[in-house]
Amino acid sequence: MPPLDSVCVLIPTYNEAETIGRVVENFREEGFENILVIDGGSEDGTAEVAEERGARVAMQSGSGKGQAIREAVEYHIDAPYVLMLDGDATYRAEDAQAMLEPLDEGYEHVIGDRFADMRDGAMTKFNQIGNGIVNDAFAAIHGQNFEDILSGYRAFTRESFSRMTLTADGFGVETEMAVECIKRNIKTAVVPIAYLPRPSGSDTNLRPIRDGGIIFLELYRRAKTNNPLFYFGSVGGISTLIGILVAVYVAVEWVTVRVSHEVLAVVAAGAILFGVQLLMFGVLSDLILTLHRDTLRKIDDEFESSESGETTRAAKRADAAEDAPAPDGETVERTNRG
């Protein structure tokens, strides 16, 4: 595990006065001294409670969890490693070691899997179903299963975070981070953790319907640059299917009752043409993306080869310098000294 003084515990909060004190104390008991609470303008004294318990507090300039995380890492954190979690006391400080250990093994991003040990009452059945659908959709779209992409318990290097392009201001930031890990080839590990129910008296800031819709839209939007065949092909496939169904209806009506539906026939033809064009565009975009990735991979391989070659040449030059005979003046001086 990285040294504790090289880790900053990042806790974005909004109206978490009931739980933030307990969270800060638990991490201090685990030996963490660098604890940053970035607050989104809480009205219940969250910032004051966190500061009293020994955390460093910063007030974010905007609003939303995503904006808070970006601002915290960019302006308030100097440590090379970041351990991020919510301030609602649903994540355990005892799991911090397991979350940080992969960073010592070459991983750059770690996701805590809440479903590995979800305690009774920690998540409603509705939210569990929604999370499952999101995770399955992510795996289907991006070709990799991170088990729990909506988990708020993360550990990552500041260097890997700087390579991400994050724009979401709210709860969609976790989805963005998972997509960016795949897109930027950030080595990611999944660690089983415990997920606890919220303590009584604390209210959640999550709105399942609203935030679920945002997450799905973010997941679909991000497919545009990571899986264009799905992004364009899904709409194209639906449009083509609708066009075919309408065309079948028009044909059946014409054959059976001799009723022509000219307008519906035009709609069917338009839908089929539109869908086929999108499917073709998706295939071409996927081909371009594949060629782009191959080109980048070759560039990276050549860069690594040139670096290793330069290191080898430098080593040879150093060896040659050590083995080279001394200049005549130095030889005579040594001889005289002898």
C-alpha atoms as a PDB file:
ATOM      1  CA  MET A   1       0.000   0.000   0.000  1.00  0.00           C
ATOM      2  CA  PRO A   2       1.310   3.535  -0.718  1.00  0.00           C
ATOM      3  CA  PRO A   3       2.534   5.471   2.330  1.00  0.00           C
ATOM      4  CA  LEU A   4      -0.363   7.187   4.056  1.00  0.00           C
ATOM      5  CA  ASP A   5       1.297  10.586   3.774  1.00  0.00           C
ATOM      6  CA  SER A   6       1.197  10.216  -0.024  1.00  0.00           C
ATOM      7  CA  VAL A   7      -2.596   9.737  -0.028  1.00  0.00           C
ATOM      8  CA  CYS A   8      -5.278  12.417   0.107  1.00  0.00           C
ATOM      9  CA  VAL A   9      -8.731  11.264   1.205  1.00  0.00           C
ATOM     10  CA  LEU A  10     -11.198  13.254  -0.908  1.00  0.00           C
ATOM     11  CA  ILE A  11     -14.798  13.588   0.308  1.00  0.00           C
ATOM     12  CA  PRO A  12     -17.221  15.681  -1.790  1.00  0.00           C
ATOM     13  CA  THR A  13     -20.213  16.680   0.331  1.00  0.00           C
ATOM     14  CA  TYR A  14     -23.519  18.483   0.272  1.00  0.00           C
ATOM     15  CA  ASN A  15     -25.649  18.629   3.433  1.00  0.00           C
ATOM     16  CA  GLU A  16     -23.922  15.687   5.169  1.00  0.00           C
ATOM     17  CA  ALA A  17     -23.620  17.173   8.672  1.00  0.00           C
ATOM     18  CA  GLU A  18     -25.178  14.059  10.239  1.00  0.00           C
ATOM     19  CA  THR A  19     -22.465  11.743   8.932  1.00  0.00           C
ATOM     20  CA  ILE A  20     -19.370  13.671   7.848  1.00  0.00           C
ATOM     21  CA  GLY A  21     -17.915  13.908  11.363  1.00  0.00           C
ATOM     22  CA  ARG A  22     -18.043  10.129  11.767  1.00  0.00           C
ATOM     23  CA  VAL A  23     -16.464   9.596   8.339  1.00  0.00           C
ATOM     24  CA  VAL A  24     -13.554  11.946   9.053  1.00  0.00           C
ATOM     25  CA  GLU A  25     -12.937  10.389  12.482  1.00  0.00           C
ATOM     26  CA  ASN A  26     -12.924   6.861  11.042  1.00  0.00           C
ATOM     27  CA  PHE A  27     -10.254   7.736   8.491  1.00  0.00           C
ATOM     28  CA  ARG A  28      -8.140   9.561  11.043  1.00  0.00           C
ATOM     29  CA  GLU A  29      -8.262   6.444  13.198  1.00  0.00           C
ATOM     30  CA  GLU A  30      -6.921   4.491  10.218  1.00  0.00           C
ATOM     31  CA  GLY A  31      -3.917   6.820  10.116  1.00  0.00           C
ATOM     32  CA  PHE A  32      -4.917   9.240   7.352  1.00  0.00           C
ATOM     33  CA  GLU A  33      -3.986  12.844   8.100  1.00  0.00           C
ATOM     34  CA  ASN A  34      -4.574  14.451   4.711  1.00  0.00           C
ATOM     35  CA  ILE A  35      -8.375  14.512   4.505  1.00  0.00           C
ATOM     36  CA  LEU A  36      -9.996  17.026   2.171  1.00  0.00           C
ATOM     37  CA  VAL A  37     -13.712  17.756   2.360  1.00  0.00           C
ATOM     38  CA  ILE A  38     -14.874  19.814  -0.593  1.00  0.00           C
ATOM     39  CA  ASP A  39     -18.313  21.176   0.108  1.00  0.00           C
ATOM     40  CA  GLY A  40     -20.908  22.305  -2.392  1.00  0.00           C
ATOM     41  CA  GLY A  41     -22.452  25.035  -0.234  1.00  0.00           C
ATOM     42  CA  SER A  42     -24.121  22.937   2.451  1.00  0.00           C
ATOM     43  CA  GLU A  43     -26.722  24.700   4.562  1.00  0.00           C
ATOM     44  CA  ASP A  44     -26.589  22.350   7.557  1.00  0.00           C
ATOM     45  CA  GLY A  45     -23.082  23.074   8.859  1.00  0.00           C
ATOM     46  CA  THR A  46     -21.307  20.204   7.071  1.00  0.00           C
ATOM     47  CA  ALA A  47     -18.133  22.227   6.527  1.00  0.00           C
ATOM     48  CA  GLU A  48     -17.947  23.304  10.162  1.00  0.00           C
ATOM     49  CA  VAL A  49     -18.392  19.753  11.462  1.00  0.00           C
ATOM     50  CA  ALA A  50     -15.717  18.417   9.109  1.00  0.00           C
ATOM     51  CA  GLU A  51     -13.263  21.118  10.146  1.00  0.00           C
ATOM     52  CA  GLU A  52     -13.887  20.468  13.838  1.00  0.00           C
ATOM     53  CA  ARG A  53     -13.045  16.774  13.350  1.00  0.00           C
ATOM     54  CA  GLY A  54      -9.704  17.590  11.729  1.00  0.00           C
ATOM     55  CA  ALA A  55     -10.408  17.667   8.002  1.00  0.00           C
ATOM     56  CA  ARG A  56      -9.174  20.286   5.579  1.00  0.00           C
ATOM     57  CA  VAL A  57     -12.220  22.012   4.072  1.00  0.00           C
ATOM     58  CA  ALA A  58     -12.557  23.738   0.702  1.00  0.00           C
ATOM     59  CA  MET A  59     -15.690  25.315  -0.714  1.00  0.00           C
ATOM     60  CA  GLN A  60     -16.281  24.503  -4.365  1.00  0.00           C
ATOM     61  CA  SER A  61     -16.922  27.376  -6.715  1.00  0.00           C
ATOM     62  CA  GLY A  62     -19.705  25.622  -8.616  1.00  0.00           C
ATOM     63  CA  SER A  63     -22.163  22.865  -7.846  1.00  0.00           C
ATOM     64  CA  GLY A  64     -22.436  19.129  -8.403  1.00  0.00           C
ATOM     65  CA  LYS A  65     -20.278  16.169  -7.460  1.00  0.00           C
ATOM     66  CA  GLY A  66     -18.428  16.007 -10.750  1.00  0.00           C
ATOM     67  CA  GLN A  67     -17.427  19.647 -10.628  1.00  0.00           C
ATOM     68  CA  ALA A  68     -16.338  19.263  -7.002  1.00  0.00           C
ATOM     69  CA  ILE A  69     -14.030  16.346  -7.815  1.00  0.00           C
ATOM     70  CA  ARG A  70     -12.391  18.103 -10.761  1.00  0.00           C
ATOM     71  CA  GLU A  71     -11.854  21.285  -8.768  1.00  0.00           C
ATOM     72  CA  ALA A  72     -10.477  19.428  -5.755  1.00  0.00           C
ATOM     73  CA  VAL A  73      -7.919  17.400  -7.711  1.00  0.00           C
ATOM     74  CA  GLU A  74      -6.834  20.359  -9.823  1.00  0.00           C
ATOM     75  CA  TYR A  75      -6.534  23.041  -7.163  1.00  0.00           C
ATOM     76  CA  HIS A  76      -6.481  21.508  -3.684  1.00  0.00           C
ATOM     77  CA  ILE A  77      -4.618  18.191  -3.860  1.00  0.00           C
ATOM     78  CA  ASP A  78      -0.851  17.775  -4.188  1.00  0.00           C
ATOM     79  CA  ALA A  79      -0.608  14.139  -3.055  1.00  0.00           C
ATOM     80  CA  PRO A  80       0.192  11.602  -5.811  1.00  0.00           C
ATOM     81  CA  TYR A  81      -2.650   9.291  -4.723  1.00  0.00           C
ATOM     82  CA  VAL A  82      -6.323  10.074  -4.099  1.00  0.00           C
ATOM     83  CA  LEU A  83      -8.828   7.963  -2.166  1.00  0.00           C
ATOM     84  CA  MET A  84     -12.313   9.235  -2.941  1.00  0.00           C
ATOM     85  CA  LEU A  85     -15.594   8.393  -1.239  1.00  0.00           C
ATOM     86  CA  ASP A  86     -18.965   9.883  -0.343  1.00  0.00           C
ATOM     87  CA  GLY A  87     -19.563  11.554   2.989  1.00  0.00           C
ATOM     88  CA  ASP A  88     -22.710   9.597   3.868  1.00  0.00           C
ATOM     89  CA  ALA A  89     -20.989   6.901   6.000  1.00  0.00           C
ATOM     90  CA  THR A  90     -21.948   4.099   3.609  1.00  0.00           C
ATOM     91  CA  TYR A  91     -18.296   3.249   2.884  1.00  0.00           C
ATOM     92  CA  ARG A  92     -15.906   1.851   5.491  1.00  0.00           C
ATOM     93  CA  ALA A  93     -12.507   3.304   6.345  1.00  0.00           C
ATOM     94  CA  GLU A  94     -11.405  -0.292   7.028  1.00  0.00           C
ATOM     95  CA  ASP A  95     -11.580  -0.969   3.276  1.00  0.00           C
ATOM     96  CA  ALA A  96      -9.103   1.815   2.486  1.00  0.00           C
ATOM     97  CA  GLN A  97      -6.076  -0.487   2.578  1.00  0.00           C
ATOM     98  CA  ALA A  98      -7.662  -2.920   0.105  1.00  0.00           C
ATOM     99  CA  MET A  99      -8.561   0.015  -2.157  1.00  0.00           C
ATOM    100  CA  LEU A 100      -5.029   1.424  -2.160  1.00  0.00           C
ATOM    101  CA  GLU A 101      -3.031  -1.790  -2.487  1.00  0.00           C
ATOM    102  CA  PRO A 102      -3.554  -2.178  -6.284  1.00  0.00           C
ATOM    103  CA  LEU A 103      -1.933   1.244  -6.800  1.00  0.00           C
ATOM    104  CA  ASP A 104       1.311  -0.307  -5.535  1.00  0.00           C
ATOM    105  CA  GLU A 105       0.922  -3.113  -8.080  1.00  0.00           C
ATOM    106  CA  GLY A 106       0.887  -0.884 -11.157  1.00  0.00           C
ATOM    107  CA  TYR A 107      -2.834  -0.117 -11.333  1.00  0.00           C
ATOM    108  CA  GLU A 108      -3.836   3.505 -11.840  1.00  0.00           C
ATOM    109  CA  HIS A 109      -7.526   3.409 -10.939  1.00  0.00           C
ATOM    110  CA  VAL A 110      -9.421   1.261  -8.424  1.00  0.00           C
ATOM    111  CA  ILE A 111     -13.193   0.791  -8.182  1.00  0.00           C
ATOM    112  CA  GLY A 112     -14.833  -0.524  -5.021  1.00  0.00           C
ATOM    113  CA  ASP A 113     -17.451  -3.183  -5.807  1.00  0.00           C
ATOM    114  CA  ARG A 114     -20.381  -2.565  -3.458  1.00  0.00           C
ATOM    115  CA  PHE A 115     -22.242  -5.669  -4.603  1.00  0.00           C
ATOM    116  CA  ALA A 116     -19.516  -7.921  -3.179  1.00  0.00           C
ATOM    117  CA  ASP A 117     -20.740  -7.224   0.375  1.00  0.00           C
ATOM    118  CA  MET A 118     -23.935  -5.197   0.332  1.00  0.00           C
ATOM    119  CA  ARG A 119     -25.505  -5.027   3.774  1.00  0.00           C
ATOM    120  CA  ASP A 120     -29.256  -5.267   4.371  1.00  0.00           C
ATOM    121  CA  GLY A 121     -31.001  -1.983   3.674  1.00  0.00           C
ATOM    122  CA  ALA A 122     -28.002  -0.381   1.968  1.00  0.00           C
ATOM    123  CA  MET A 123     -29.767  -0.149  -1.394  1.00  0.00           C
ATOM    124  CA  THR A 124     -33.371  -0.517  -2.430  1.00  0.00           C
ATOM    125  CA  LYS A 125     -34.372  -3.265  -4.856  1.00  0.00           C
ATOM    126  CA  PHE A 126     -35.276  -0.595  -7.397  1.00  0.00           C
ATOM    127  CA  ASN A 127     -31.781   0.907  -7.195  1.00  0.00           C
ATOM    128  CA  GLN A 128     -30.162  -2.532  -7.349  1.00  0.00           C
ATOM    129  CA  ILE A 129     -32.047  -3.321 -10.554  1.00  0.00           C
ATOM    130  CA  GLY A 130     -31.108   0.061 -12.003  1.00  0.00           C
ATOM    131  CA  ASN A 131     -27.445  -0.413 -11.104  1.00  0.00           C
ATOM    132  CA  GLY A 132     -27.474  -3.873 -12.654  1.00  0.00           C
ATOM    133  CA  ILE A 133     -28.918  -2.547 -15.916  1.00  0.00           C
ATOM    134  CA  VAL A 134     -26.333   0.237 -16.042  1.00  0.00           C
ATOM    135  CA  ASN A 135     -23.462  -2.178 -15.418  1.00  0.00           C
ATOM    136  CA  ASP A 136     -24.724  -4.637 -18.036  1.00  0.00           C
ATOM    137  CA  ALA A 137     -25.179  -1.830 -20.560  1.00  0.00           C
ATOM    138  CA  PHE A 138     -21.680  -0.541 -19.851  1.00  0.00           C
ATOM    139  CA  ALA A 139     -20.179  -4.001 -20.358  1.00  0.00           C
ATOM    140  CA  ALA A 140     -22.100  -4.465 -23.626  1.00  0.00           C
ATOM    141  CA  ILE A 141     -21.194  -1.036 -25.001  1.00  0.00           C
ATOM    142  CA  HIS A 142     -17.564  -0.797 -23.918  1.00  0.00           C
ATOM    143  CA  GLY A 143     -16.583  -4.456 -23.819  1.00  0.00           C
ATOM    144  CA  GLN A 144     -15.304  -4.547 -20.241  1.00  0.00           C
ATOM    145  CA  ASN A 145     -17.058  -5.350 -16.980  1.00  0.00           C
ATOM    146  CA  PHE A 146     -16.087  -3.191 -13.987  1.00  0.00           C
ATOM    147  CA  GLU A 147     -18.817  -4.802 -11.820  1.00  0.00           C
ATOM    148  CA  ASP A 148     -19.965  -1.516 -10.229  1.00  0.00           C
ATOM    149  CA  ILE A 149     -19.255   1.565 -12.346  1.00  0.00           C
ATOM    150  CA  LEU A 150     -21.493   3.767 -10.159  1.00  0.00           C
ATOM    151  CA  SER A 151     -19.498   3.100  -7.000  1.00  0.00           C
ATOM    152  CA  GLY A 152     -18.399   6.264  -5.215  1.00  0.00           C
ATOM    153  CA  TYR A 153     -15.438   4.552  -3.529  1.00  0.00           C
ATOM    154  CA  ARG A 154     -12.430   5.097  -5.813  1.00  0.00           C
ATOM    155  CA  ALA A 155      -8.662   5.207  -5.553  1.00  0.00           C
ATOM    156  CA  PHE A 156      -6.529   6.650  -8.324  1.00  0.00           C
ATOM    157  CA  THR A 157      -3.305   8.407  -9.171  1.00  0.00           C
ATOM    158  CA  ARG A 158      -3.408  12.128  -9.874  1.00  0.00           C
ATOM    159  CA  GLU A 159      -1.455  11.470 -13.062  1.00  0.00           C
ATOM    160  CA  SER A 160      -4.144   9.124 -14.431  1.00  0.00           C
ATOM    161  CA  PHE A 161      -6.889  11.552 -13.433  1.00  0.00           C
ATOM    162  CA  SER A 162      -5.165  14.329 -15.400  1.00  0.00           C
ATOM    163  CA  ARG A 163      -5.440  12.187 -18.547  1.00  0.00           C
ATOM    164  CA  MET A 164      -9.228  11.976 -18.258  1.00  0.00           C
ATOM    165  CA  THR A 165     -11.612  14.338 -19.989  1.00  0.00           C
ATOM    166  CA  LEU A 166     -14.466  14.815 -17.526  1.00  0.00           C
ATOM    167  CA  THR A 167     -17.379  17.176 -18.145  1.00  0.00           C
ATOM    168  CA  ALA A 168     -20.258  15.857 -16.003  1.00  0.00           C
ATOM    169  CA  ASP A 169     -21.159  18.054 -13.070  1.00  0.00           C
ATOM    170  CA  GLY A 170     -23.407  15.633 -11.189  1.00  0.00           C
ATOM    171  CA  PHE A 171     -23.604  11.912 -10.454  1.00  0.00           C
ATOM    172  CA  GLY A 172     -22.682  11.042 -14.035  1.00  0.00           C
ATOM    173  CA  VAL A 173     -19.025  11.590 -13.150  1.00  0.00           C
ATOM    174  CA  GLU A 174     -18.539   7.965 -12.023  1.00  0.00           C
ATOM    175  CA  THR A 175     -19.789   6.731 -15.391  1.00  0.00           C
ATOM    176  CA  GLU A 176     -17.473   9.177 -17.153  1.00  0.00           C
ATOM    177  CA  MET A 177     -14.501   7.993 -15.136  1.00  0.00           C
ATOM    178  CA  ALA A 178     -15.197   4.355 -15.988  1.00  0.00           C
ATOM    179  CA  VAL A 179     -15.475   5.151 -19.700  1.00  0.00           C
ATOM    180  CA  GLU A 180     -12.305   7.241 -19.614  1.00  0.00           C
ATOM    181  CA  CYS A 181     -10.415   4.374 -17.972  1.00  0.00           C
ATOM    182  CA  ILE A 182     -11.152   2.253 -21.040  1.00  0.00           C
ATOM    183  CA  LYS A 183     -10.670   5.038 -23.561  1.00  0.00           C
ATOM    184  CA  ARG A 184      -7.307   6.179 -22.123  1.00  0.00           C
ATOM    185  CA  ASN A 185      -6.041   2.646 -21.386  1.00  0.00           C
ATOM    186  CA  ILE A 186      -5.865   3.395 -17.666  1.00  0.00           C
ATOM    187  CA  LYS A 187      -5.094   0.164 -15.842  1.00  0.00           C
ATOM    188  CA  THR A 188      -8.116  -0.449 -13.596  1.00  0.00           C
ATOM    189  CA  ALA A 189      -8.712  -2.878 -10.743  1.00  0.00           C
ATOM    190  CA  VAL A 190     -11.982  -3.840  -9.053  1.00  0.00           C
ATOM    191  CA  VAL A 191     -11.868  -4.485  -5.291  1.00  0.00           C
ATOM    192  CA  PRO A 192     -14.678  -6.009  -3.181  1.00  0.00           C
ATOM    193  CA  ILE A 193     -15.860  -3.675  -0.423  1.00  0.00           C
ATOM    194  CA  ALA A 194     -18.696  -3.462   2.074  1.00  0.00           C
ATOM    195  CA  TYR A 195     -21.611  -1.121   1.441  1.00  0.00           C
ATOM    196  CA  LEU A 196     -23.524   0.011   4.524  1.00  0.00           C
ATOM    197  CA  PRO A 197     -27.016   1.482   4.908  1.00  0.00           C
ATOM    198  CA  ARG A 198     -27.198   5.218   5.519  1.00  0.00           C
ATOM    199  CA  PRO A 199     -27.466   6.092   9.213  1.00  0.00           C
ATOM    200  CA  SER A 200     -30.909   7.158  10.353  1.00  0.00           C
ATOM    201  CA  GLY A 201     -31.406  10.893  10.258  1.00  0.00           C
ATOM    202  CA  SER A 202     -29.357  11.471   7.105  1.00  0.00           C
ATOM    203  CA  ASP A 203     -31.016  12.108   3.755  1.00  0.00           C
ATOM    204  CA  THR A 204     -29.697  10.992   0.405  1.00  0.00           C
ATOM    205  CA  ASN A 205     -28.943  13.502  -2.351  1.00  0.00           C
ATOM    206  CA  LEU A 206     -29.597  10.832  -4.997  1.00  0.00           C
ATOM    207  CA  ARG A 207     -32.805  11.033  -7.042  1.00  0.00           C
ATOM    208  CA  PRO A 208     -33.094   7.595  -8.715  1.00  0.00           C
ATOM    209  CA  ILE A 209     -35.260   8.549 -11.709  1.00  0.00           C
ATOM    210  CA  ARG A 210     -33.579  11.853 -12.511  1.00  0.00           C
ATOM    211  CA  ASP A 211     -30.016  10.731 -11.853  1.00  0.00           C
ATOM    212  CA  GLY A 212     -30.620   7.357 -13.501  1.00  0.00           C
ATOM    213  CA  GLY A 213     -31.712   9.142 -16.662  1.00  0.00           C
ATOM    214  CA  ILE A 214     -28.605  11.347 -16.559  1.00  0.00           C
ATOM    215  CA  ILE A 215     -26.392   8.284 -16.132  1.00  0.00           C
ATOM    216  CA  PHE A 216     -27.974   6.454 -19.071  1.00  0.00           C
ATOM    217  CA  LEU A 217     -27.662   9.526 -21.284  1.00  0.00           C
ATOM    218  CA  GLU A 218     -24.025   9.912 -20.262  1.00  0.00           C
ATOM    219  CA  LEU A 219     -23.371   6.243 -20.949  1.00  0.00           C
ATOM    220  CA  TYR A 220     -24.921   6.538 -24.406  1.00  0.00           C
ATOM    221  CA  ARG A 221     -23.236   9.868 -25.196  1.00  0.00           C
ATOM    222  CA  ARG A 222     -19.810   8.485 -24.305  1.00  0.00           C
ATOM    223  CA  ALA A 223     -20.335   5.565 -26.679  1.00  0.00           C
ATOM    224  CA  LYS A 224     -19.987   8.037 -29.562  1.00  0.00           C
ATOM    225  CA  THR A 225     -16.195   8.144 -29.258  1.00  0.00           C
ATOM    226  CA  ASN A 226     -15.586   4.710 -27.762  1.00  0.00           C
ATOM    227  CA  ASN A 227     -18.070   2.499 -29.614  1.00  0.00           C
ATOM    228  CA  PRO A 228     -19.535   4.415 -32.582  1.00  0.00           C
ATOM    229  CA  LEU A 229     -21.002   1.252 -34.069  1.00  0.00           C
ATOM    230  CA  PHE A 230     -23.320   0.972 -31.061  1.00  0.00           C
ATOM    231  CA  TYR A 231     -23.945   4.740 -30.890  1.00  0.00           C
ATOM    232  CA  PHE A 232     -25.106   5.060 -34.498  1.00  0.00           C
ATOM    233  CA  GLY A 233     -26.113   1.448 -35.044  1.00  0.00           C
ATOM    234  CA  SER A 234     -28.621   1.356 -32.196  1.00  0.00           C
ATOM    235  CA  VAL A 235     -30.595   4.309 -33.567  1.00  0.00           C
ATOM    236  CA  GLY A 236     -30.167   3.041 -37.115  1.00  0.00           C
ATOM    237  CA  GLY A 237     -31.376  -0.419 -36.165  1.00  0.00           C
ATOM    238  CA  ILE A 238     -34.461   0.937 -34.392  1.00  0.00           C
ATOM    239  CA  SER A 239     -35.275   3.218 -37.336  1.00  0.00           C
ATOM    240  CA  THR A 240     -34.858   0.365 -39.828  1.00  0.00           C
ATOM    241  CA  LEU A 241     -37.009  -1.961 -37.724  1.00  0.00           C
ATOM    242  CA  ILE A 242     -39.791   0.618 -37.441  1.00  0.00           C
ATOM    243  CA  GLY A 243     -39.657   1.235 -41.184  1.00  0.00           C
ATOM    244  CA  ILE A 244     -39.896  -2.487 -41.938  1.00  0.00           C
ATOM    245  CA  LEU A 245     -42.858  -2.934 -39.573  1.00  0.00           C
ATOM    246  CA  VAL A 246     -44.710  -0.006 -41.151  1.00  0.00           C
ATOM    247  CA  ALA A 247     -43.916  -1.333 -44.634  1.00  0.00           C
ATOM    248  CA  VAL A 248     -45.273  -4.772 -43.700  1.00  0.00           C
ATOM    249  CA  TYR A 249     -48.483  -3.153 -42.390  1.00  0.00           C
ATOM    250  CA  VAL A 250     -48.896  -1.183 -45.635  1.00  0.00           C
ATOM    251  CA  ALA A 251     -48.315  -4.300 -47.733  1.00  0.00           C
ATOM    252  CA  VAL A 252     -50.789  -6.403 -45.732  1.00  0.00           C
ATOM    253  CA  GLU A 253     -53.454  -3.684 -45.972  1.00  0.00           C
ATOM    254  CA  TRP A 254     -52.956  -3.439 -49.708  1.00  0.00           C
ATOM    255  CA  VAL A 255     -53.087  -7.199 -50.309  1.00  0.00           C
ATOM    256  CA  THR A 256     -56.010  -7.989 -47.982  1.00  0.00           C
ATOM    257  CA  VAL A 257     -58.369  -5.040 -48.230  1.00  0.00           C
ATOM    258  CA  ARG A 258     -56.952  -3.111 -51.154  1.00  0.00           C
ATOM    259  CA  VAL A 259     -56.397  -0.001 -49.051  1.00  0.00           C
ATOM    260  CA  SER A 260     -53.321   2.028 -49.956  1.00  0.00           C
ATOM    261  CA  HIS A 261     -51.463   4.035 -47.348  1.00  0.00           C
ATOM    262  CA  GLU A 262     -49.301   6.341 -49.446  1.00  0.00           C
ATOM    263  CA  VAL A 263     -48.192   8.515 -46.523  1.00  0.00           C
ATOM    264  CA  LEU A 264     -47.273   5.505 -44.394  1.00  0.00           C
ATOM    265  CA  ALA A 265     -45.414   4.007 -47.342  1.00  0.00           C
ATOM    266  CA  VAL A 266     -43.313   7.162 -47.644  1.00  0.00           C
ATOM    267  CA  VAL A 267     -42.673   7.138 -43.872  1.00  0.00           C
ATOM    268  CA  ALA A 268     -41.602   3.491 -44.013  1.00  0.00           C
ATOM    269  CA  ALA A 269     -39.219   4.123 -46.905  1.00  0.00           C
ATOM    270  CA  GLY A 270     -37.745   7.165 -45.168  1.00  0.00           C
ATOM    271  CA  ALA A 271     -37.251   5.301 -41.897  1.00  0.00           C
ATOM    272  CA  ILE A 272     -35.548   2.385 -43.643  1.00  0.00           C
ATOM    273  CA  LEU A 273     -33.249   4.656 -45.664  1.00  0.00           C
ATOM    274  CA  PHE A 274     -32.386   6.724 -42.586  1.00  0.00           C
ATOM    275  CA  GLY A 275     -31.668   3.604 -40.541  1.00  0.00           C
ATOM    276  CA  VAL A 276     -29.494   1.999 -43.191  1.00  0.00           C
ATOM    277  CA  GLN A 277     -27.493   5.203 -43.585  1.00  0.00           C
ATOM    278  CA  LEU A 278     -26.874   5.376 -39.839  1.00  0.00           C
ATOM    279  CA  LEU A 279     -25.809   1.732 -39.789  1.00  0.00           C
ATOM    280  CA  MET A 280     -23.351   2.369 -42.624  1.00  0.00           C
ATOM    281  CA  PHE A 281     -22.063   5.485 -40.855  1.00  0.00           C
ATOM    282  CA  GLY A 282     -21.595   3.463 -37.675  1.00  0.00           C
ATOM    283  CA  VAL A 283     -19.590   0.803 -39.510  1.00  0.00           C
ATOM    284  CA  LEU A 284     -17.363   3.427 -41.144  1.00  0.00           C
ATOM    285  CA  SER A 285     -16.860   5.269 -37.845  1.00  0.00           C
ATOM    286  CA  ASP A 286     -15.929   2.027 -36.124  1.00  0.00           C
ATOM    287  CA  LEU A 287     -13.406   1.293 -38.881  1.00  0.00           C
ATOM    288  CA  ILE A 288     -11.863   4.769 -38.528  1.00  0.00           C
ATOM    289  CA  LEU A 289     -11.693   4.377 -34.736  1.00  0.00           C
ATOM    290  CA  THR A 290      -9.969   0.990 -35.095  1.00  0.00           C
ATOM    291  CA  LEU A 291      -7.390   2.436 -37.493  1.00  0.00           C
ATOM    292  CA  HIS A 292      -6.868   5.401 -35.165  1.00  0.00           C
ATOM    293  CA  ARG A 293      -6.236   3.133 -32.195  1.00  0.00           C
ATOM    294  CA  ASP A 294      -3.828   0.986 -34.216  1.00  0.00           C
ATOM    295  CA  THR A 295      -1.923   4.110 -35.269  1.00  0.00           C
ATOM    296  CA  LEU A 296      -1.693   5.359 -31.691  1.00  0.00           C
ATOM    297  CA  ARG A 297      -0.528   1.931 -30.527  1.00  0.00           C
ATOM    298  CA  LYS A 298       2.226   1.903 -33.148  1.00  0.00           C
ATOM    299  CA  ILE A 299       3.296   5.417 -32.166  1.00  0.00           C
ATOM    300  CA  ASP A 300       3.454   4.375 -28.505  1.00  0.00           C
ATOM    301  CA  ASP A 301       5.468   1.257 -29.392  1.00  0.00           C
ATOM    302  CA  GLU A 302       7.914   3.299 -31.467  1.00  0.00           C
ATOM    303  CA  PHE A 303       8.233   5.875 -28.711  1.00  0.00           C
ATOM    304  CA  GLU A 304       8.969   3.179 -26.130  1.00  0.00           C
ATOM    305  CA  SER A 305      11.480   1.539 -28.511  1.00  0.00           C
ATOM    306  CA  SER A 306      13.258   4.845 -29.110  1.00  0.00           C
ATOM    307  CA  GLU A 307      13.387   5.525 -25.377  1.00  0.00           C
ATOM    308  CA  SER A 308      14.834   2.102 -24.626  1.00  0.00           C
ATOM    309  CA  GLY A 309      17.289   2.491 -27.523  1.00  0.00           C
ATOM    310  CA  GLU A 310      18.406   5.887 -26.242  1.00  0.00           C
ATOM    311  CA  THR A 311      18.894   4.413 -22.771  1.00  0.00           C
ATOM    312  CA  THR A 312      20.998   1.600 -24.240  1.00  0.00           C
ATOM    313  CA  ARG A 313      23.116   4.034 -26.261  1.00  0.00           C
ATOM    314  CA  ALA A 314      23.647   6.238 -23.221  1.00  0.00           C
ATOM    315  CA  ALA A 315      24.752   3.211 -21.204  1.00  0.00           C
ATOM    316  CA  LYS A 316      27.182   2.194 -23.942  1.00  0.00           C
ATOM    317  CA  ARG A 317      28.613   5.697 -24.090  1.00  0.00           C
ATOM    318  CA  ALA A 318      29.096   5.679 -20.333  1.00  0.00           C
ATOM    319  CA  ASP A 319      30.846   2.296 -20.489  1.00  0.00           C
ATOM    320  CA  ALA A 320      33.031   3.482 -23.330  1.00  0.00           C
ATOM    321  CA  ALA A 321      34.006   6.598 -21.389  1.00  0.00           C
ATOM    322  CA  GLU A 322      35.042   4.509 -18.404  1.00  0.00           C
ATOM    323  CA  ASP A 323      37.135   2.135 -20.548  1.00  0.00           C
ATOM    324  CA  ALA A 324      38.755   4.860 -22.668  1.00  0.00           C
ATOM    325  CA  PRO A 325      42.508   5.532 -22.028  1.00  0.00           C
ATOM    326  CA  ALA A 326      43.353   8.741 -20.257  1.00  0.00           C
ATOM    327  CA  PRO A 327      44.790  11.635 -22.247  1.00  0.00           C
ATOM    328  CA  ASP A 328      48.618  11.843 -22.526  1.00  0.00           C
ATOM    329  CA  GLY A 329      48.928  14.606 -19.952  1.00  0.00           C
ATOM    330  CA  GLU A 330      46.963  12.635 -17.381  1.00  0.00           C
ATOM    331  CA  THR A 331      49.050   9.526 -18.139  1.00  0.00           C
ATOM    332  CA  VAL A 332      52.293  11.352 -17.577  1.00  0.00           C
ATOM    333  CA  GLU A 333      50.928  12.932 -14.384  1.00  0.00           C
ATOM    334  CA  ARG A 334      49.877   9.579 -13.001  1.00  0.00           C
ATOM    335  CA  THR A 335      53.247   8.096 -13.940  1.00  0.00           C
ATOM    336  CA  ASN A 336      55.092  10.905 -12.211  1.00  0.00           C
ATOM    337  CA  ARG A 337      52.956  10.514  -9.134  1.00  0.00           C
ATOM    338  CA  GLY A 338      53.685   6.793  -9.112  1.00  0.00           C
END
